[in-house]
Amino acid sequence: MSLRMALAVGVFGLGGCGVLGGVALTPGTYSGELACRATVVDATGVEASEDYTSATTLVVDDEGGLTVNDEPVEVGELVTRSLPNADLAFEVLNLSQRWRQVVVTYEPRPTLPGIAVTGELVEDFSRDVGGVRVVGHTELVVTDVSGDNRFEIECSGVLGRE
């Protein structure tokens, strides 16, 4: 299976997170391009990698709520994460906040009949000089009629304040 075909099954891009008690990030609008790398090992053991960028806009409200790419997220809600050629649904499992940092944990949800998706996505938002540093990491197993296809996606970068 080619990387493009494998990615068409669905994977990753950034979404958002919902209101938290207190404000770990400075309120405002932040935007930029995140550098991403997707590595796929298909059901036959063939590995391929692809680099891409993910345009991302983060809005932090005065109460600490986050919205990424116009998609607010709260625990229990479904959000979509996007690749250049595929989308995948995730459910927000947990929002945690530490001094100057918000971590969001997601679990994938199946989007097509006959395809199972397992794994986890973690997005880490932290204060950075003049912006917000974003690191996203996911490891997924997508099972279809061909077998198990393993995905590892890493995205990172600093979003500048508008």
C-alpha atoms as a PDB file:
ATOM      1  CA  MET A   1       0.000   0.000   0.000  1.00  0.00           C
ATOM      2  CA  SER A   2       1.423   3.425  -0.929  1.00  0.00           C
ATOM      3  CA  LEU A   3       1.748   6.146   1.691  1.00  0.00           C
ATOM      4  CA  ARG A   4      -0.941   8.218  -0.041  1.00  0.00           C
ATOM      5  CA  MET A   5      -3.339   5.251  -0.046  1.00  0.00           C
ATOM      6  CA  ALA A   6      -2.545   4.484   3.573  1.00  0.00           C
ATOM      7  CA  LEU A   7      -3.077   8.089   4.605  1.00  0.00           C
ATOM      8  CA  ALA A   8      -6.405   8.115   2.797  1.00  0.00           C
ATOM      9  CA  VAL A   9      -7.623   5.677   5.450  1.00  0.00           C
ATOM     10  CA  GLY A  10      -7.422   8.625   7.873  1.00  0.00           C
ATOM     11  CA  VAL A  11      -5.016  10.087  10.352  1.00  0.00           C
ATOM     12  CA  PHE A  12      -4.021  13.393  11.884  1.00  0.00           C
ATOM     13  CA  GLY A  13      -3.852  17.205  11.973  1.00  0.00           C
ATOM     14  CA  LEU A  14      -4.580  19.576  14.812  1.00  0.00           C
ATOM     15  CA  GLY A  15      -7.906  20.388  16.435  1.00  0.00           C
ATOM     16  CA  GLY A  16      -8.503  22.099  19.783  1.00  0.00           C
ATOM     17  CA  CYS A  17      -9.453  21.884  23.409  1.00  0.00           C
ATOM     18  CA  GLY A  18     -12.120  23.369  25.624  1.00  0.00           C
ATOM     19  CA  VAL A  19     -12.428  25.541  28.701  1.00  0.00           C
ATOM     20  CA  LEU A  20     -10.144  24.840  31.638  1.00  0.00           C
ATOM     21  CA  GLY A  21     -10.093  26.334  35.122  1.00  0.00           C
ATOM     22  CA  GLY A  22      -7.625  29.226  35.066  1.00  0.00           C
ATOM     23  CA  VAL A  23      -5.567  30.425  32.129  1.00  0.00           C
ATOM     24  CA  ALA A  24      -2.380  28.489  31.315  1.00  0.00           C
ATOM     25  CA  LEU A  25      -1.906  30.272  27.980  1.00  0.00           C
ATOM     26  CA  THR A  26      -2.086  34.005  27.313  1.00  0.00           C
ATOM     27  CA  PRO A  27      -5.440  34.908  25.721  1.00  0.00           C
ATOM     28  CA  GLY A  28      -5.226  35.844  22.048  1.00  0.00           C
ATOM     29  CA  THR A  29      -5.082  34.478  18.521  1.00  0.00           C
ATOM     30  CA  TYR A  30      -2.006  32.574  17.344  1.00  0.00           C
ATOM     31  CA  SER A  31      -1.280  31.151  13.904  1.00  0.00           C
ATOM     32  CA  GLY A  32       1.438  29.482  11.860  1.00  0.00           C
ATOM     33  CA  GLU A  33       2.550  26.353  10.062  1.00  0.00           C
ATOM     34  CA  LEU A  34       3.398  23.194  11.994  1.00  0.00           C
ATOM     35  CA  ALA A  35       6.020  20.881  10.506  1.00  0.00           C
ATOM     36  CA  CYS A  36       4.717  17.304  10.378  1.00  0.00           C
ATOM     37  CA  ARG A  37       6.062  13.877   9.506  1.00  0.00           C
ATOM     38  CA  ALA A  38       3.864  10.844   8.919  1.00  0.00           C
ATOM     39  CA  THR A  39       5.441   7.398   8.971  1.00  0.00           C
ATOM     40  CA  VAL A  40       3.364   4.429   7.860  1.00  0.00           C
ATOM     41  CA  VAL A  41       4.070   0.713   8.009  1.00  0.00           C
ATOM     42  CA  ASP A  42       1.490  -1.099   5.916  1.00  0.00           C
ATOM     43  CA  ALA A  43       0.099  -4.605   6.480  1.00  0.00           C
ATOM     44  CA  THR A  44       2.908  -6.145   4.375  1.00  0.00           C
ATOM     45  CA  GLY A  45       5.643  -4.424   6.417  1.00  0.00           C
ATOM     46  CA  VAL A  46       6.535  -1.749   3.867  1.00  0.00           C
ATOM     47  CA  GLU A  47       7.464   1.555   5.536  1.00  0.00           C
ATOM     48  CA  ALA A  48       7.121   5.014   4.013  1.00  0.00           C
ATOM     49  CA  SER A  49       7.377   8.565   5.369  1.00  0.00           C
ATOM     50  CA  GLU A  50       5.998  11.883   4.205  1.00  0.00           C
ATOM     51  CA  ASP A  51       6.656  15.411   5.426  1.00  0.00           C
ATOM     52  CA  TYR A  52       3.933  18.062   5.252  1.00  0.00           C
ATOM     53  CA  THR A  53       2.848  21.267   6.979  1.00  0.00           C
ATOM     54  CA  SER A  54      -0.350  21.929   8.877  1.00  0.00           C
ATOM     55  CA  ALA A  55      -1.701  25.506   8.867  1.00  0.00           C
ATOM     56  CA  THR A  56      -2.989  26.070  12.388  1.00  0.00           C
ATOM     57  CA  THR A  57      -4.868  28.870  14.128  1.00  0.00           C
ATOM     58  CA  LEU A  58      -5.239  28.753  17.914  1.00  0.00           C
ATOM     59  CA  VAL A  59      -7.601  31.061  19.811  1.00  0.00           C
ATOM     60  CA  VAL A  60      -7.255  31.258  23.600  1.00  0.00           C
ATOM     61  CA  ASP A  61     -10.194  32.999  25.295  1.00  0.00           C
ATOM     62  CA  ASP A  62     -10.092  34.915  28.597  1.00  0.00           C
ATOM     63  CA  GLU A  63     -11.309  31.861  30.548  1.00  0.00           C
ATOM     64  CA  GLY A  64      -8.609  29.567  29.112  1.00  0.00           C
ATOM     65  CA  GLY A  65     -10.815  27.892  26.509  1.00  0.00           C
ATOM     66  CA  LEU A  66      -9.034  26.888  23.322  1.00  0.00           C
ATOM     67  CA  THR A  67     -10.259  26.649  19.761  1.00  0.00           C
ATOM     68  CA  VAL A  68      -8.022  25.371  16.977  1.00  0.00           C
ATOM     69  CA  ASN A  69      -8.915  25.859  13.339  1.00  0.00           C
ATOM     70  CA  ASP A  70     -12.419  27.028  14.313  1.00  0.00           C
ATOM     71  CA  GLU A  71     -13.116  23.819  16.255  1.00  0.00           C
ATOM     72  CA  PRO A  72     -13.677  24.127  20.034  1.00  0.00           C
ATOM     73  CA  VAL A  73     -13.156  20.940  21.969  1.00  0.00           C
ATOM     74  CA  GLU A  74     -14.532  19.722  25.282  1.00  0.00           C
ATOM     75  CA  VAL A  75     -14.164  16.376  27.034  1.00  0.00           C
ATOM     76  CA  GLY A  76     -16.480  13.843  25.403  1.00  0.00           C
ATOM     77  CA  GLU A  77     -16.852  15.809  22.170  1.00  0.00           C
ATOM     78  CA  LEU A  78     -15.828  14.562  18.729  1.00  0.00           C
ATOM     79  CA  VAL A  79     -13.357  16.577  16.659  1.00  0.00           C
ATOM     80  CA  THR A  80     -11.773  16.066  13.262  1.00  0.00           C
ATOM     81  CA  ARG A  81      -8.046  15.957  12.614  1.00  0.00           C
ATOM     82  CA  SER A  82      -6.897  16.417   9.036  1.00  0.00           C
ATOM     83  CA  LEU A  83      -4.056  15.446   6.751  1.00  0.00           C
ATOM     84  CA  PRO A  84      -3.711  16.987   3.338  1.00  0.00           C
ATOM     85  CA  ASN A  85      -5.760  14.102   1.907  1.00  0.00           C
ATOM     86  CA  ALA A  86      -7.690  12.515   4.777  1.00  0.00           C
ATOM     87  CA  ASP A  87      -9.745  13.208   7.918  1.00  0.00           C
ATOM     88  CA  LEU A  88     -10.144  11.179  11.098  1.00  0.00           C
ATOM     89  CA  ALA A  89     -12.568  11.591  13.992  1.00  0.00           C
ATOM     90  CA  PHE A  90     -11.249  11.740  17.569  1.00  0.00           C
ATOM     91  CA  GLU A  91     -12.998  11.980  20.922  1.00  0.00           C
ATOM     92  CA  VAL A  92     -11.502  14.278  23.557  1.00  0.00           C
ATOM     93  CA  LEU A  93     -10.705  12.115  26.590  1.00  0.00           C
ATOM     94  CA  ASN A  94      -8.830  14.507  28.857  1.00  0.00           C
ATOM     95  CA  LEU A  95      -7.758  18.132  29.226  1.00  0.00           C
ATOM     96  CA  SER A  96      -5.035  18.849  31.752  1.00  0.00           C
ATOM     97  CA  GLN A  97      -3.339  22.066  32.658  1.00  0.00           C
ATOM     98  CA  ARG A  98      -0.052  22.772  34.316  1.00  0.00           C
ATOM     99  CA  TRP A  99       1.661  26.088  34.735  1.00  0.00           C
ATOM    100  CA  ARG A 100       2.030  27.534  31.188  1.00  0.00           C
ATOM    101  CA  GLN A 101       0.920  24.299  29.509  1.00  0.00           C
ATOM    102  CA  VAL A 102      -2.253  22.555  28.329  1.00  0.00           C
ATOM    103  CA  VAL A 103      -2.247  18.884  27.285  1.00  0.00           C
ATOM    104  CA  VAL A 104      -5.157  17.343  25.373  1.00  0.00           C
ATOM    105  CA  THR A 105      -5.554  13.576  24.975  1.00  0.00           C
ATOM    106  CA  TYR A 106      -7.778  12.065  22.281  1.00  0.00           C
ATOM    107  CA  GLU A 107      -8.916   8.595  21.226  1.00  0.00           C
ATOM    108  CA  PRO A 108      -9.779   7.808  17.595  1.00  0.00           C
ATOM    109  CA  ARG A 109     -13.303   6.927  16.524  1.00  0.00           C
ATOM    110  CA  PRO A 110     -14.061   4.808  13.457  1.00  0.00           C
ATOM    111  CA  THR A 111     -15.310   6.771  10.464  1.00  0.00           C
ATOM    112  CA  LEU A 112     -15.854   4.070   7.838  1.00  0.00           C
ATOM    113  CA  PRO A 113     -17.600   0.663   8.050  1.00  0.00           C
ATOM    114  CA  GLY A 114     -15.137  -2.229   8.179  1.00  0.00           C
ATOM    115  CA  ILE A 115     -12.234  -0.134   9.460  1.00  0.00           C
ATOM    116  CA  ALA A 116     -11.079  -0.200  13.083  1.00  0.00           C
ATOM    117  CA  VAL A 117      -8.787   2.488  14.481  1.00  0.00           C
ATOM    118  CA  THR A 118      -6.963   2.186  17.812  1.00  0.00           C
ATOM    119  CA  GLY A 119      -4.357   4.377  19.457  1.00  0.00           C
ATOM    120  CA  GLU A 120      -4.033   7.820  20.974  1.00  0.00           C
ATOM    121  CA  LEU A 121      -3.361  11.417  19.965  1.00  0.00           C
ATOM    122  CA  VAL A 122      -1.758  13.859  22.407  1.00  0.00           C
ATOM    123  CA  GLU A 123      -1.472  17.594  21.746  1.00  0.00           C
ATOM    124  CA  ASP A 124       0.705  19.743  24.002  1.00  0.00           C
ATOM    125  CA  PHE A 125       0.284  23.543  23.979  1.00  0.00           C
ATOM    126  CA  SER A 126       2.804  25.579  25.987  1.00  0.00           C
ATOM    127  CA  ARG A 127       3.807  29.232  26.282  1.00  0.00           C
ATOM    128  CA  ASP A 128       6.752  30.249  24.156  1.00  0.00           C
ATOM    129  CA  VAL A 129       8.398  33.647  23.642  1.00  0.00           C
ATOM    130  CA  GLY A 130       5.869  35.610  21.582  1.00  0.00           C
ATOM    131  CA  GLY A 131       3.594  32.652  20.948  1.00  0.00           C
ATOM    132  CA  VAL A 132       2.508  29.125  21.733  1.00  0.00           C
ATOM    133  CA  ARG A 133       4.593  26.003  21.078  1.00  0.00           C
ATOM    134  CA  VAL A 134       2.533  23.086  19.799  1.00  0.00           C
ATOM    135  CA  VAL A 135       3.631  19.439  19.771  1.00  0.00           C
ATOM    136  CA  GLY A 136       1.279  16.738  18.540  1.00  0.00           C
ATOM    137  CA  HIS A 137       2.024  13.007  18.501  1.00  0.00           C
ATOM    138  CA  THR A 138      -0.086  10.036  17.549  1.00  0.00           C
ATOM    139  CA  GLU A 139       0.436   6.333  17.126  1.00  0.00           C
ATOM    140  CA  LEU A 140      -2.469   4.572  15.452  1.00  0.00           C
ATOM    141  CA  VAL A 141      -3.268   1.127  14.152  1.00  0.00           C
ATOM    142  CA  VAL A 142      -5.789   1.113  11.320  1.00  0.00           C
ATOM    143  CA  THR A 143      -7.181  -2.348  10.625  1.00  0.00           C
ATOM    144  CA  ASP A 144      -8.986  -3.047   7.363  1.00  0.00           C
ATOM    145  CA  VAL A 145      -9.296  -5.997   4.980  1.00  0.00           C
ATOM    146  CA  SER A 146      -5.555  -5.776   4.202  1.00  0.00           C
ATOM    147  CA  GLY A 147      -4.596  -6.138   7.892  1.00  0.00           C
ATOM    148  CA  ASP A 148      -2.941  -3.760  10.359  1.00  0.00           C
ATOM    149  CA  ASN A 149      -1.491  -0.489   9.066  1.00  0.00           C
ATOM    150  CA  ARG A 150       0.585   1.413  11.633  1.00  0.00           C
ATOM    151  CA  PHE A 151       0.818   5.206  11.623  1.00  0.00           C
ATOM    152  CA  GLU A 152       3.068   7.491  13.616  1.00  0.00           C
ATOM    153  CA  ILE A 153       2.585  11.222  13.142  1.00  0.00           C
ATOM    154  CA  GLU A 154       4.584  14.040  14.751  1.00  0.00           C
ATOM    155  CA  CYS A 155       3.797  17.743  14.316  1.00  0.00           C
ATOM    156  CA  SER A 156       5.517  20.651  16.035  1.00  0.00           C
ATOM    157  CA  GLY A 157       6.117  24.364  15.740  1.00  0.00           C
ATOM    158  CA  VAL A 158       5.526  27.751  17.292  1.00  0.00           C
ATOM    159  CA  LEU A 159       2.370  29.699  16.516  1.00  0.00           C
ATOM    160  CA  GLY A 160       2.961  33.461  16.507  1.00  0.00           C
ATOM    161  CA  ARG A 161       0.591  35.921  18.124  1.00  0.00           C
ATOM    162  CA  GLU A 162      -1.510  37.921  15.672  1.00  0.00           C
END
